[in-house]
Each structure stands twice: as C-alpha cells, then as structure tokens.
Amino acid sequence: MKQPVELSHACRLINHGPTVLVGSAHQGRRNVMAAAWSMPVEFVPPRVAVVIDKRTYTRELVRASGSFTISIPCRATLDATYTVGSVSGRDDAQDGGPDKFERYGIEHFDGPVLGLPLVAGCVAWLECRLIDEPHAEEAYDTCFGEVVSAQADTRVFAGGRWSFRDDNAELHTLHHLGGGNFAWPAKSVQGKVLPAR
C-alpha cells in the first residue's frame, strides 16, 4: 500500500500536526524517538522542522549524520510510539545492548534515498537532510530538514490528501495530548467556500 508522494505534496504529510517518529543512524548506531512538535516550513523545496531536544541520543546521531527520517505513526502503532518516546536509546548504546528497534521488536525498512531507518506500520515516511541552523538548534532545539523522499500508505493518503474515514480508523494519525494520552482524527470533511453577500 506504500506509494511515493510527490515532493510538492510532502509537507502535507505533517501539516495537520501528528506525533512523528524521528529516526537516525550514524556509523552502525541507530535510534528512534517520538516527537510531538513538527511542522512544514516550505513547500518548494519541501522543508520541515521538528523539535529534538539537544540532550537526546537521536539529536547526537542527527548532528553526526546530517540527516534524519520522519515516520508518521497511526492508531495501530500507538504502544510502540509511546514506548520509543518514553525510553532513551543512549543507555542501550553505551552498554552495547540492542537498540530500540531490536529491544521492542519495531520493524523498519531503509529509506530509498538516504538509507536511514523508517518505521514499518506507519502511514507516511519522509527522509530529510539536515539544514544547518545553529541558532535554532541551540536556542529552541528545532532542527530543519529538506525532504528528499516521501512515501505514504494509499489507504489513508492519496492524491496529495489525507482521508480519515470509519473504514480506515486504525490508520488515523496520532496526536499527543500529554502524559501518554493520544487522540486521532475521527474523519475528514470537505469544506465549502461561503457565498459572497
């Protein structure tokens, strides 16, 4: 069900504010974490921003590699999303133990352009090259990336648009409310332009 998304539509994958999973890898080490704050910042070329705390292992790997991935989880991946957002990958890396992918059985695949880990079972995936913005990174923990590949599950995103319906409810994106509580869209509704008076 996974299909490439035109890069001109890539920012639509996160413009509705879902929780995202940020993947990273460098020199044989890899990690994944949940992030509640991400957004598109430019359409052409597609650019996104995501807040990654400077103390995290993910941020260390992103800085070292100059790239990251964004996987957009859904209701079916709720527990995995909460788990990778609640535990640190740094402890495993320091002990030489299994990373979060192995420890929690999180299936993944390599991105088509950068080869970084993308989380299977999600509904959309972006590969990003880090845009060097030292002030934003240091002051606000905000990392900017240029999207170099985008894919989405056609059961819920097709023709450049999300479609949240009753028959695809397990594929609805997650929105973190704090304290491990999440919400998801109930359905999508087409708006109409009001007639002029």
N, C-alpha and C. Protein backbone atom coordinates (compact mmCIF):
# COMPACT_ATOMS: atom_id res chain seq x y z
N MET A 1 0.81 -1.20 0.00
CA MET A 1 0.00 0.00 0.00
C MET A 1 0.86 1.27 0.00
N LYS A 2 2.17 1.12 0.15
CA LYS A 2 3.07 2.28 0.25
C LYS A 2 3.41 2.76 -1.16
N GLN A 3 3.20 4.07 -1.39
CA GLN A 3 3.48 4.66 -2.68
C GLN A 3 4.29 5.94 -2.49
N PRO A 4 5.18 6.27 -3.45
CA PRO A 4 5.88 7.55 -3.36
C PRO A 4 4.89 8.71 -3.40
N VAL A 5 5.24 9.78 -2.73
CA VAL A 5 4.44 11.01 -2.72
C VAL A 5 5.25 12.07 -3.44
N GLU A 6 4.59 12.81 -4.33
CA GLU A 6 5.28 13.92 -5.00
C GLU A 6 5.85 14.86 -3.95
N LEU A 7 7.09 15.29 -4.16
CA LEU A 7 7.71 16.16 -3.16
C LEU A 7 6.93 17.46 -2.98
N SER A 8 6.18 17.88 -3.99
CA SER A 8 5.36 19.08 -3.84
C SER A 8 4.22 18.88 -2.84
N HIS A 9 3.90 17.62 -2.51
CA HIS A 9 2.87 17.30 -1.52
C HIS A 9 3.45 16.79 -0.21
N ALA A 10 4.77 16.69 -0.11
CA ALA A 10 5.41 16.08 1.06
C ALA A 10 5.05 16.78 2.36
N CYS A 11 4.97 18.10 2.36
CA CYS A 11 4.67 18.83 3.60
C CYS A 11 3.27 18.58 4.10
N ARG A 12 2.37 18.14 3.22
CA ARG A 12 1.01 17.83 3.66
C ARG A 12 0.97 16.62 4.59
N LEU A 13 2.04 15.83 4.56
CA LEU A 13 2.07 14.65 5.42
C LEU A 13 2.14 15.02 6.89
N ILE A 14 2.65 16.22 7.23
CA ILE A 14 2.72 16.62 8.64
C ILE A 14 2.00 17.93 8.93
N ASN A 15 1.32 18.53 7.95
CA ASN A 15 0.72 19.84 8.21
C ASN A 15 -0.48 19.78 9.15
N HIS A 16 -0.98 18.61 9.50
CA HIS A 16 -2.11 18.50 10.44
C HIS A 16 -1.64 18.21 11.86
N GLY A 17 -0.33 18.30 12.11
CA GLY A 17 0.20 18.23 13.47
C GLY A 17 0.26 16.87 14.14
N PRO A 18 0.56 15.79 13.42
CA PRO A 18 0.61 14.49 14.09
C PRO A 18 1.87 14.32 14.92
N THR A 19 1.82 13.40 15.86
CA THR A 19 3.04 12.92 16.51
C THR A 19 3.86 12.23 15.44
N VAL A 20 5.17 12.39 15.48
CA VAL A 20 6.04 11.74 14.50
C VAL A 20 7.10 10.92 15.21
N LEU A 21 7.68 9.99 14.48
CA LEU A 21 8.81 9.21 14.97
C LEU A 21 10.03 9.66 14.18
N VAL A 22 11.06 10.10 14.89
CA VAL A 22 12.28 10.59 14.26
C VAL A 22 13.32 9.47 14.30
N GLY A 23 13.76 9.05 13.13
CA GLY A 23 14.78 8.02 13.03
C GLY A 23 16.12 8.63 12.71
N SER A 24 17.17 7.97 13.21
CA SER A 24 18.52 8.46 12.98
C SER A 24 19.49 7.29 12.95
N ALA A 25 20.61 7.48 12.28
CA ALA A 25 21.64 6.45 12.24
C ALA A 25 22.96 7.09 11.87
N HIS A 26 24.04 6.55 12.45
CA HIS A 26 25.39 7.01 12.11
C HIS A 26 26.40 5.95 12.55
N GLN A 27 27.24 5.56 11.63
CA GLN A 27 28.33 4.61 11.88
C GLN A 27 27.88 3.38 12.65
N GLY A 28 26.84 2.74 12.16
CA GLY A 28 26.37 1.50 12.74
C GLY A 28 25.47 1.65 13.95
N ARG A 29 25.26 2.87 14.43
CA ARG A 29 24.36 3.11 15.55
C ARG A 29 23.06 3.69 14.99
N ARG A 30 21.93 3.39 15.62
CA ARG A 30 20.66 3.93 15.15
C ARG A 30 19.73 4.13 16.34
N ASN A 31 18.73 4.97 16.13
CA ASN A 31 17.77 5.24 17.19
C ASN A 31 16.46 5.72 16.58
N VAL A 32 15.43 5.71 17.41
CA VAL A 32 14.13 6.25 17.02
C VAL A 32 13.50 6.85 18.27
N MET A 33 12.85 8.00 18.11
CA MET A 33 12.18 8.66 19.23
C MET A 33 10.89 9.28 18.73
N ALA A 34 9.96 9.51 19.64
CA ALA A 34 8.72 10.20 19.29
C ALA A 34 8.91 11.70 19.50
N ALA A 35 8.26 12.49 18.65
CA ALA A 35 8.29 13.95 18.78
C ALA A 35 6.88 14.48 18.52
N ALA A 36 6.42 15.34 19.40
CA ALA A 36 5.07 15.90 19.27
C ALA A 36 5.05 17.20 18.47
N TRP A 37 6.21 17.84 18.29
CA TRP A 37 6.26 19.14 17.64
C TRP A 37 7.01 19.05 16.32
N SER A 38 6.26 19.05 15.23
CA SER A 38 6.84 19.08 13.89
C SER A 38 5.90 19.88 13.00
N MET A 39 6.46 20.41 11.91
CA MET A 39 5.61 21.18 11.01
C MET A 39 6.32 21.40 9.68
N PRO A 40 5.55 21.64 8.61
CA PRO A 40 6.15 22.05 7.36
C PRO A 40 6.57 23.51 7.47
N VAL A 41 7.64 23.89 6.78
CA VAL A 41 8.06 25.29 6.78
C VAL A 41 8.22 25.85 5.37
N GLU A 42 8.26 25.00 4.37
CA GLU A 42 8.37 25.47 2.99
C GLU A 42 7.90 24.36 2.07
N PHE A 43 7.23 24.75 0.98
CA PHE A 43 6.70 23.75 0.05
C PHE A 43 7.69 23.34 -1.03
N VAL A 44 8.38 24.32 -1.65
CA VAL A 44 9.30 24.02 -2.74
C VAL A 44 10.61 24.76 -2.51
N PRO A 45 11.71 24.06 -2.24
CA PRO A 45 11.74 22.62 -1.97
C PRO A 45 11.07 22.33 -0.64
N PRO A 46 10.56 21.11 -0.46
CA PRO A 46 9.86 20.80 0.78
C PRO A 46 10.83 20.80 1.96
N ARG A 47 10.47 21.57 2.99
CA ARG A 47 11.30 21.64 4.19
C ARG A 47 10.40 21.52 5.41
N VAL A 48 10.92 20.87 6.44
CA VAL A 48 10.17 20.64 7.65
C VAL A 48 11.01 21.04 8.87
N ALA A 49 10.34 21.20 9.98
CA ALA A 49 11.02 21.45 11.25
C ALA A 49 10.50 20.46 12.27
N VAL A 50 11.38 20.01 13.14
CA VAL A 50 11.00 19.11 14.23
C VAL A 50 11.84 19.45 15.45
N VAL A 51 11.20 19.44 16.60
CA VAL A 51 11.92 19.72 17.84
C VAL A 51 12.52 18.42 18.37
N ILE A 52 13.86 18.43 18.49
CA ILE A 52 14.61 17.28 19.01
C ILE A 52 15.53 17.81 20.10
N ASP A 53 15.23 17.50 21.33
CA ASP A 53 16.00 18.01 22.47
C ASP A 53 17.48 17.69 22.31
N LYS A 54 18.31 18.68 22.59
CA LYS A 54 19.76 18.53 22.40
C LYS A 54 20.37 17.46 23.29
N ARG A 55 19.68 17.04 24.34
CA ARG A 55 20.20 16.01 25.25
C ARG A 55 19.91 14.59 24.77
N THR A 56 19.14 14.44 23.71
CA THR A 56 18.75 13.10 23.27
C THR A 56 19.81 12.44 22.41
N TYR A 57 19.77 11.12 22.44
CA TYR A 57 20.66 10.31 21.60
C TYR A 57 20.32 10.53 20.13
N THR A 58 19.04 10.70 19.82
CA THR A 58 18.63 10.96 18.44
C THR A 58 19.31 12.21 17.91
N ARG A 59 19.30 13.28 18.69
CA ARG A 59 19.92 14.54 18.26
C ARG A 59 21.41 14.34 18.00
N GLU A 60 22.07 13.58 18.84
CA GLU A 60 23.50 13.30 18.64
C GLU A 60 23.72 12.62 17.28
N LEU A 61 22.90 11.63 16.97
CA LEU A 61 23.04 10.92 15.70
C LEU A 61 22.66 11.79 14.50
N VAL A 62 21.64 12.62 14.66
CA VAL A 62 21.23 13.53 13.58
C VAL A 62 22.36 14.51 13.27
N ARG A 63 22.95 15.09 14.28
CA ARG A 63 24.06 16.03 14.07
C ARG A 63 25.24 15.33 13.41
N ALA A 64 25.54 14.12 13.85
CA ALA A 64 26.69 13.38 13.31
C ALA A 64 26.49 12.98 11.85
N SER A 65 25.26 12.59 11.50
CA SER A 65 25.00 12.10 10.14
C SER A 65 24.55 13.19 9.18
N GLY A 66 23.98 14.28 9.73
CA GLY A 66 23.45 15.33 8.87
C GLY A 66 22.14 14.97 8.21
N SER A 67 21.42 14.01 8.80
CA SER A 67 20.15 13.59 8.19
C SER A 67 19.27 12.92 9.24
N PHE A 68 17.98 12.78 8.90
CA PHE A 68 17.03 12.10 9.79
C PHE A 68 15.82 11.67 8.99
N THR A 69 15.02 10.83 9.60
CA THR A 69 13.76 10.41 8.98
C THR A 69 12.60 10.80 9.87
N ILE A 70 11.45 10.89 9.26
CA ILE A 70 10.21 11.08 9.99
C ILE A 70 9.24 10.00 9.51
N SER A 71 8.77 9.20 10.46
CA SER A 71 7.73 8.22 10.19
C SER A 71 6.49 8.70 10.93
N ILE A 72 5.35 8.61 10.30
CA ILE A 72 4.12 9.11 10.91
C ILE A 72 3.27 7.93 11.38
N PRO A 73 3.24 7.74 12.72
CA PRO A 73 2.54 6.58 13.26
C PRO A 73 1.02 6.74 13.22
N CYS A 74 0.36 5.63 13.46
CA CYS A 74 -1.11 5.61 13.43
C CYS A 74 -1.62 4.85 14.65
N ARG A 75 -2.92 4.73 14.75
CA ARG A 75 -3.54 4.05 15.90
C ARG A 75 -2.96 2.66 16.10
N ALA A 76 -2.67 1.96 15.01
CA ALA A 76 -2.15 0.60 15.11
C ALA A 76 -0.76 0.55 15.75
N THR A 77 -0.05 1.67 15.77
CA THR A 77 1.31 1.71 16.33
C THR A 77 1.38 2.55 17.60
N LEU A 78 0.25 2.74 18.26
CA LEU A 78 0.18 3.59 19.45
C LEU A 78 1.17 3.19 20.54
N ASP A 79 1.20 1.92 20.92
CA ASP A 79 2.06 1.50 22.03
C ASP A 79 3.54 1.62 21.67
N ALA A 80 3.90 1.29 20.45
CA ALA A 80 5.30 1.45 20.03
C ALA A 80 5.69 2.92 20.04
N THR A 81 4.78 3.79 19.63
CA THR A 81 5.04 5.23 19.63
C THR A 81 5.28 5.73 21.04
N TYR A 82 4.42 5.34 21.95
CA TYR A 82 4.58 5.77 23.33
C TYR A 82 5.88 5.22 23.93
N THR A 83 6.20 3.98 23.61
CA THR A 83 7.41 3.35 24.14
C THR A 83 8.67 4.09 23.69
N VAL A 84 8.82 4.33 22.38
CA VAL A 84 10.07 4.97 21.91
C VAL A 84 10.17 6.42 22.35
N GLY A 85 9.04 7.01 22.75
CA GLY A 85 9.07 8.36 23.28
C GLY A 85 9.31 8.41 24.78
N SER A 86 9.28 7.24 25.43
CA SER A 86 9.39 7.19 26.89
C SER A 86 10.72 6.64 27.39
N VAL A 87 11.49 5.99 26.54
CA VAL A 87 12.76 5.41 26.96
C VAL A 87 13.89 5.97 26.12
N SER A 88 15.06 6.05 26.70
CA SER A 88 16.24 6.57 25.99
C SER A 88 16.98 5.45 25.28
N GLY A 89 17.48 5.74 24.10
CA GLY A 89 18.32 4.80 23.37
C GLY A 89 19.78 4.92 23.77
N ARG A 90 20.15 5.98 24.46
CA ARG A 90 21.54 6.21 24.83
C ARG A 90 22.05 5.12 25.77
N ASP A 91 21.22 4.70 26.74
CA ASP A 91 21.65 3.68 27.69
C ASP A 91 22.01 2.38 26.97
N ASP A 92 21.17 1.99 26.02
CA ASP A 92 21.45 0.77 25.25
C ASP A 92 22.75 0.91 24.47
N ALA A 93 22.96 2.08 23.87
CA ALA A 93 24.16 2.31 23.07
C ALA A 93 25.42 2.24 23.92
N GLN A 94 25.38 2.81 25.11
CA GLN A 94 26.55 2.81 25.99
C GLN A 94 26.87 1.42 26.50
N ASP A 95 25.84 0.60 26.70
CA ASP A 95 26.05 -0.76 27.21
C ASP A 95 26.35 -1.76 26.10
N GLY A 96 26.26 -1.32 24.83
CA GLY A 96 26.46 -2.24 23.72
C GLY A 96 25.30 -3.19 23.52
N GLY A 97 24.18 -2.89 24.14
CA GLY A 97 22.99 -3.74 24.04
C GLY A 97 22.20 -3.46 22.79
N PRO A 98 21.05 -4.10 22.66
CA PRO A 98 20.20 -3.88 21.48
C PRO A 98 19.62 -2.47 21.47
N ASP A 99 19.44 -1.92 20.27
CA ASP A 99 18.83 -0.59 20.17
C ASP A 99 17.31 -0.73 20.32
N LYS A 100 16.60 0.40 20.26
CA LYS A 100 15.14 0.36 20.47
C LYS A 100 14.43 -0.51 19.44
N PHE A 101 14.93 -0.51 18.21
CA PHE A 101 14.30 -1.33 17.17
C PHE A 101 14.32 -2.80 17.59
N GLU A 102 15.50 -3.27 18.02
CA GLU A 102 15.64 -4.67 18.42
C GLU A 102 14.96 -4.95 19.75
N ARG A 103 15.19 -4.10 20.72
CA ARG A 103 14.67 -4.34 22.07
C ARG A 103 13.14 -4.47 22.09
N TYR A 104 12.45 -3.63 21.30
CA TYR A 104 10.99 -3.62 21.33
C TYR A 104 10.35 -4.25 20.09
N GLY A 105 11.16 -4.88 19.25
CA GLY A 105 10.62 -5.55 18.06
C GLY A 105 9.96 -4.61 17.08
N ILE A 106 10.55 -3.43 16.91
CA ILE A 106 9.98 -2.43 16.00
C ILE A 106 10.52 -2.67 14.59
N GLU A 107 9.62 -3.10 13.72
CA GLU A 107 10.04 -3.38 12.34
C GLU A 107 10.34 -2.07 11.62
N HIS A 108 11.29 -2.15 10.72
CA HIS A 108 11.70 -0.94 9.99
C HIS A 108 12.21 -1.35 8.62
N PHE A 109 12.40 -0.35 7.78
CA PHE A 109 12.99 -0.56 6.46
C PHE A 109 13.86 0.66 6.16
N ASP A 110 14.78 0.50 5.25
CA ASP A 110 15.68 1.59 4.89
C ASP A 110 15.03 2.52 3.89
N GLY A 111 15.23 3.82 4.10
CA GLY A 111 14.71 4.81 3.17
C GLY A 111 15.35 4.68 1.80
N PRO A 112 14.62 5.04 0.74
CA PRO A 112 15.12 4.83 -0.62
C PRO A 112 16.25 5.77 -1.04
N VAL A 113 16.42 6.91 -0.39
CA VAL A 113 17.45 7.86 -0.80
C VAL A 113 18.64 7.87 0.16
N LEU A 114 18.37 8.00 1.45
CA LEU A 114 19.46 8.12 2.43
C LEU A 114 19.77 6.80 3.15
N GLY A 115 18.88 5.82 3.04
CA GLY A 115 19.12 4.53 3.67
C GLY A 115 18.96 4.52 5.18
N LEU A 116 18.33 5.55 5.73
CA LEU A 116 18.11 5.62 7.18
C LEU A 116 16.86 4.84 7.56
N PRO A 117 16.73 4.45 8.84
CA PRO A 117 15.59 3.63 9.23
C PRO A 117 14.26 4.39 9.26
N LEU A 118 13.26 3.78 8.63
CA LEU A 118 11.88 4.24 8.67
C LEU A 118 11.06 3.16 9.36
N VAL A 119 10.09 3.55 10.18
CA VAL A 119 9.33 2.59 10.97
C VAL A 119 8.20 1.98 10.16
N ALA A 120 8.21 0.66 10.04
CA ALA A 120 7.14 -0.06 9.35
C ALA A 120 5.86 0.05 10.17
N GLY A 121 4.73 -0.07 9.50
CA GLY A 121 3.44 0.00 10.19
C GLY A 121 2.92 1.41 10.34
N CYS A 122 3.74 2.40 9.97
CA CYS A 122 3.29 3.79 9.99
C CYS A 122 2.50 4.07 8.71
N VAL A 123 2.03 5.30 8.54
CA VAL A 123 1.22 5.62 7.37
C VAL A 123 1.88 6.61 6.42
N ALA A 124 3.03 7.17 6.82
CA ALA A 124 3.77 8.07 5.92
C ALA A 124 5.21 8.13 6.40
N TRP A 125 6.11 8.44 5.46
CA TRP A 125 7.53 8.42 5.75
C TRP A 125 8.25 9.51 4.96
N LEU A 126 9.16 10.21 5.62
CA LEU A 126 9.97 11.26 4.99
C LEU A 126 11.44 11.00 5.30
N GLU A 127 12.30 11.21 4.33
CA GLU A 127 13.74 11.24 4.57
C GLU A 127 14.18 12.69 4.41
N CYS A 128 15.00 13.17 5.33
CA CYS A 128 15.38 14.58 5.34
C CYS A 128 16.88 14.76 5.51
N ARG A 129 17.42 15.72 4.78
CA ARG A 129 18.78 16.17 5.01
C ARG A 129 18.72 17.36 5.96
N LEU A 130 19.52 17.33 6.99
CA LEU A 130 19.55 18.39 7.98
C LEU A 130 20.02 19.69 7.34
N ILE A 131 19.30 20.76 7.60
CA ILE A 131 19.69 22.11 7.18
C ILE A 131 20.36 22.75 8.39
N ASP A 132 21.59 23.18 8.21
CA ASP A 132 22.36 23.73 9.34
C ASP A 132 21.79 25.07 9.78
N GLU A 133 21.20 25.09 10.95
CA GLU A 133 20.64 26.29 11.57
C GLU A 133 21.07 26.32 13.03
N PRO A 134 22.34 26.65 13.29
CA PRO A 134 22.88 26.54 14.66
C PRO A 134 22.07 27.29 15.72
N HIS A 135 21.59 28.49 15.42
CA HIS A 135 20.87 29.26 16.43
C HIS A 135 19.55 28.56 16.81
N ALA A 136 18.78 28.14 15.81
CA ALA A 136 17.50 27.47 16.09
C ALA A 136 17.72 26.16 16.84
N GLU A 137 18.76 25.44 16.47
CA GLU A 137 19.04 24.17 17.14
C GLU A 137 19.44 24.39 18.59
N GLU A 138 20.31 25.36 18.83
CA GLU A 138 20.80 25.60 20.19
C GLU A 138 19.74 26.25 21.06
N ALA A 139 19.10 27.29 20.57
CA ALA A 139 18.16 28.06 21.39
C ALA A 139 16.80 27.37 21.54
N TYR A 140 16.34 26.70 20.50
CA TYR A 140 14.97 26.18 20.51
C TYR A 140 14.87 24.67 20.28
N ASP A 141 16.00 23.99 20.14
CA ASP A 141 16.02 22.55 19.86
C ASP A 141 15.27 22.21 18.58
N THR A 142 15.18 23.16 17.67
CA THR A 142 14.44 22.96 16.42
C THR A 142 15.41 22.62 15.29
N CYS A 143 15.19 21.47 14.69
CA CYS A 143 16.01 21.01 13.58
C CYS A 143 15.20 21.14 12.29
N PHE A 144 15.83 21.70 11.28
CA PHE A 144 15.19 21.87 9.98
C PHE A 144 15.75 20.83 9.02
N GLY A 145 14.89 20.33 8.14
CA GLY A 145 15.35 19.36 7.16
C GLY A 145 14.70 19.58 5.82
N GLU A 146 15.47 19.31 4.77
CA GLU A 146 14.91 19.32 3.42
C GLU A 146 14.50 17.90 3.09
N VAL A 147 13.25 17.73 2.68
CA VAL A 147 12.71 16.41 2.38
C VAL A 147 13.27 15.95 1.03
N VAL A 148 13.89 14.76 1.04
CA VAL A 148 14.46 14.22 -0.20
C VAL A 148 13.68 13.01 -0.71
N SER A 149 12.84 12.43 0.13
CA SER A 149 11.92 11.39 -0.34
C SER A 149 10.70 11.38 0.57
N ALA A 150 9.57 11.02 0.00
CA ALA A 150 8.31 10.95 0.75
C ALA A 150 7.49 9.78 0.22
N GLN A 151 6.88 9.06 1.17
CA GLN A 151 6.01 7.94 0.83
C GLN A 151 4.81 7.96 1.76
N ALA A 152 3.72 7.36 1.32
CA ALA A 152 2.53 7.29 2.17
C ALA A 152 1.72 6.04 1.84
N ASP A 153 0.92 5.61 2.80
CA ASP A 153 0.01 4.49 2.64
C ASP A 153 -1.22 5.01 1.90
N THR A 154 -1.48 4.47 0.73
CA THR A 154 -2.57 4.96 -0.11
C THR A 154 -3.95 4.70 0.48
N ARG A 155 -4.05 3.86 1.49
CA ARG A 155 -5.35 3.62 2.13
C ARG A 155 -5.80 4.83 2.94
N VAL A 156 -4.84 5.75 3.25
CA VAL A 156 -5.20 6.90 4.07
C VAL A 156 -4.66 8.23 3.50
N PHE A 157 -3.72 8.17 2.55
CA PHE A 157 -3.19 9.38 1.91
C PHE A 157 -3.00 9.10 0.44
N ALA A 158 -3.74 9.79 -0.42
CA ALA A 158 -3.64 9.59 -1.86
C ALA A 158 -3.99 10.90 -2.56
N GLY A 159 -3.40 11.12 -3.71
CA GLY A 159 -3.68 12.33 -4.48
C GLY A 159 -3.29 13.60 -3.73
N GLY A 160 -2.31 13.49 -2.84
CA GLY A 160 -1.85 14.65 -2.08
C GLY A 160 -2.75 15.05 -0.93
N ARG A 161 -3.66 14.14 -0.50
CA ARG A 161 -4.61 14.47 0.56
C ARG A 161 -4.79 13.31 1.54
N TRP A 162 -4.98 13.67 2.82
CA TRP A 162 -5.36 12.69 3.83
C TRP A 162 -6.85 12.36 3.68
N SER A 163 -7.23 11.15 4.01
CA SER A 163 -8.63 10.75 4.00
C SER A 163 -8.87 9.87 5.22
N PHE A 164 -9.39 10.47 6.30
CA PHE A 164 -9.69 9.76 7.53
C PHE A 164 -11.16 9.37 7.52
N ARG A 165 -11.42 8.05 7.49
CA ARG A 165 -12.78 7.55 7.38
C ARG A 165 -13.01 6.45 8.40
N ASP A 166 -14.25 6.06 8.58
CA ASP A 166 -14.57 4.97 9.51
C ASP A 166 -13.90 3.66 9.10
N ASP A 167 -13.78 3.42 7.78
CA ASP A 167 -13.23 2.14 7.32
C ASP A 167 -11.71 2.07 7.37
N ASN A 168 -11.03 3.17 7.72
CA ASN A 168 -9.57 3.11 7.85
C ASN A 168 -9.12 3.67 9.21
N ALA A 169 -9.95 3.51 10.22
CA ALA A 169 -9.72 4.10 11.54
C ALA A 169 -8.39 3.69 12.17
N GLU A 170 -7.95 2.46 11.96
CA GLU A 170 -6.67 2.02 12.55
C GLU A 170 -5.48 2.73 11.92
N LEU A 171 -5.70 3.39 10.80
CA LEU A 171 -4.63 4.10 10.11
C LEU A 171 -4.64 5.60 10.39
N HIS A 172 -5.53 6.07 11.25
CA HIS A 172 -5.57 7.50 11.57
C HIS A 172 -4.34 7.88 12.38
N THR A 173 -3.82 9.06 12.11
CA THR A 173 -2.60 9.53 12.76
C THR A 173 -2.83 9.84 14.23
N LEU A 174 -1.74 9.86 14.99
CA LEU A 174 -1.80 10.11 16.43
C LEU A 174 -1.44 11.55 16.75
N HIS A 175 -2.08 12.11 17.78
CA HIS A 175 -1.80 13.47 18.23
C HIS A 175 -1.64 13.42 19.74
N HIS A 176 -0.44 13.75 20.21
CA HIS A 176 -0.13 13.60 21.64
C HIS A 176 -0.75 14.73 22.45
N LEU A 177 -1.47 14.38 23.51
CA LEU A 177 -2.14 15.34 24.38
C LEU A 177 -1.39 15.56 25.68
N GLY A 178 -0.31 14.82 25.90
CA GLY A 178 0.46 14.91 27.13
C GLY A 178 0.18 13.74 28.05
N GLY A 179 1.18 13.38 28.86
CA GLY A 179 1.01 12.32 29.84
C GLY A 179 0.69 10.96 29.25
N GLY A 180 1.12 10.70 28.02
CA GLY A 180 0.85 9.41 27.39
C GLY A 180 -0.54 9.28 26.80
N ASN A 181 -1.29 10.36 26.77
CA ASN A 181 -2.64 10.35 26.16
C ASN A 181 -2.56 10.85 24.73
N PHE A 182 -3.25 10.14 23.85
CA PHE A 182 -3.25 10.48 22.43
C PHE A 182 -4.68 10.61 21.93
N ALA A 183 -4.84 11.36 20.87
CA ALA A 183 -6.12 11.47 20.16
C ALA A 183 -5.85 11.21 18.69
N TRP A 184 -6.89 11.00 17.91
CA TRP A 184 -6.75 10.83 16.47
C TRP A 184 -7.95 11.45 15.79
N PRO A 185 -7.78 11.81 14.50
CA PRO A 185 -8.90 12.41 13.78
C PRO A 185 -10.03 11.38 13.62
N ALA A 186 -11.25 11.85 13.71
CA ALA A 186 -12.39 10.95 13.54
C ALA A 186 -12.68 10.72 12.06
N LYS A 187 -12.61 11.77 11.28
CA LYS A 187 -12.81 11.66 9.83
C LYS A 187 -12.46 12.99 9.21
N SER A 188 -12.30 13.00 7.90
CA SER A 188 -12.03 14.25 7.21
C SER A 188 -13.31 14.74 6.55
N VAL A 189 -13.48 16.04 6.50
CA VAL A 189 -14.69 16.66 5.95
C VAL A 189 -14.26 17.74 4.97
N GLN A 190 -14.90 17.77 3.81
CA GLN A 190 -14.59 18.79 2.80
C GLN A 190 -15.28 20.09 3.12
N GLY A 191 -14.51 21.17 3.25
CA GLY A 191 -15.09 22.49 3.48
C GLY A 191 -15.60 23.09 2.18
N LYS A 192 -16.48 24.09 2.32
CA LYS A 192 -17.04 24.79 1.16
C LYS A 192 -16.83 26.29 1.36
N VAL A 193 -16.60 26.99 0.28
CA VAL A 193 -16.44 28.44 0.33
C VAL A 193 -17.82 29.06 0.53
N LEU A 194 -17.94 29.94 1.52
CA LEU A 194 -19.21 30.63 1.75
C LEU A 194 -19.54 31.54 0.57
N PRO A 195 -20.82 31.66 0.23
CA PRO A 195 -21.19 32.57 -0.87
C PRO A 195 -20.99 34.02 -0.42
N ALA A 196 -20.57 34.85 -1.36
CA ALA A 196 -20.42 36.28 -1.06
C ALA A 196 -21.81 36.89 -0.87
N ARG A 197 -21.90 37.92 -0.04
CA ARG A 197 -23.19 38.58 0.19
C ARG A 197 -23.36 39.75 -0.71
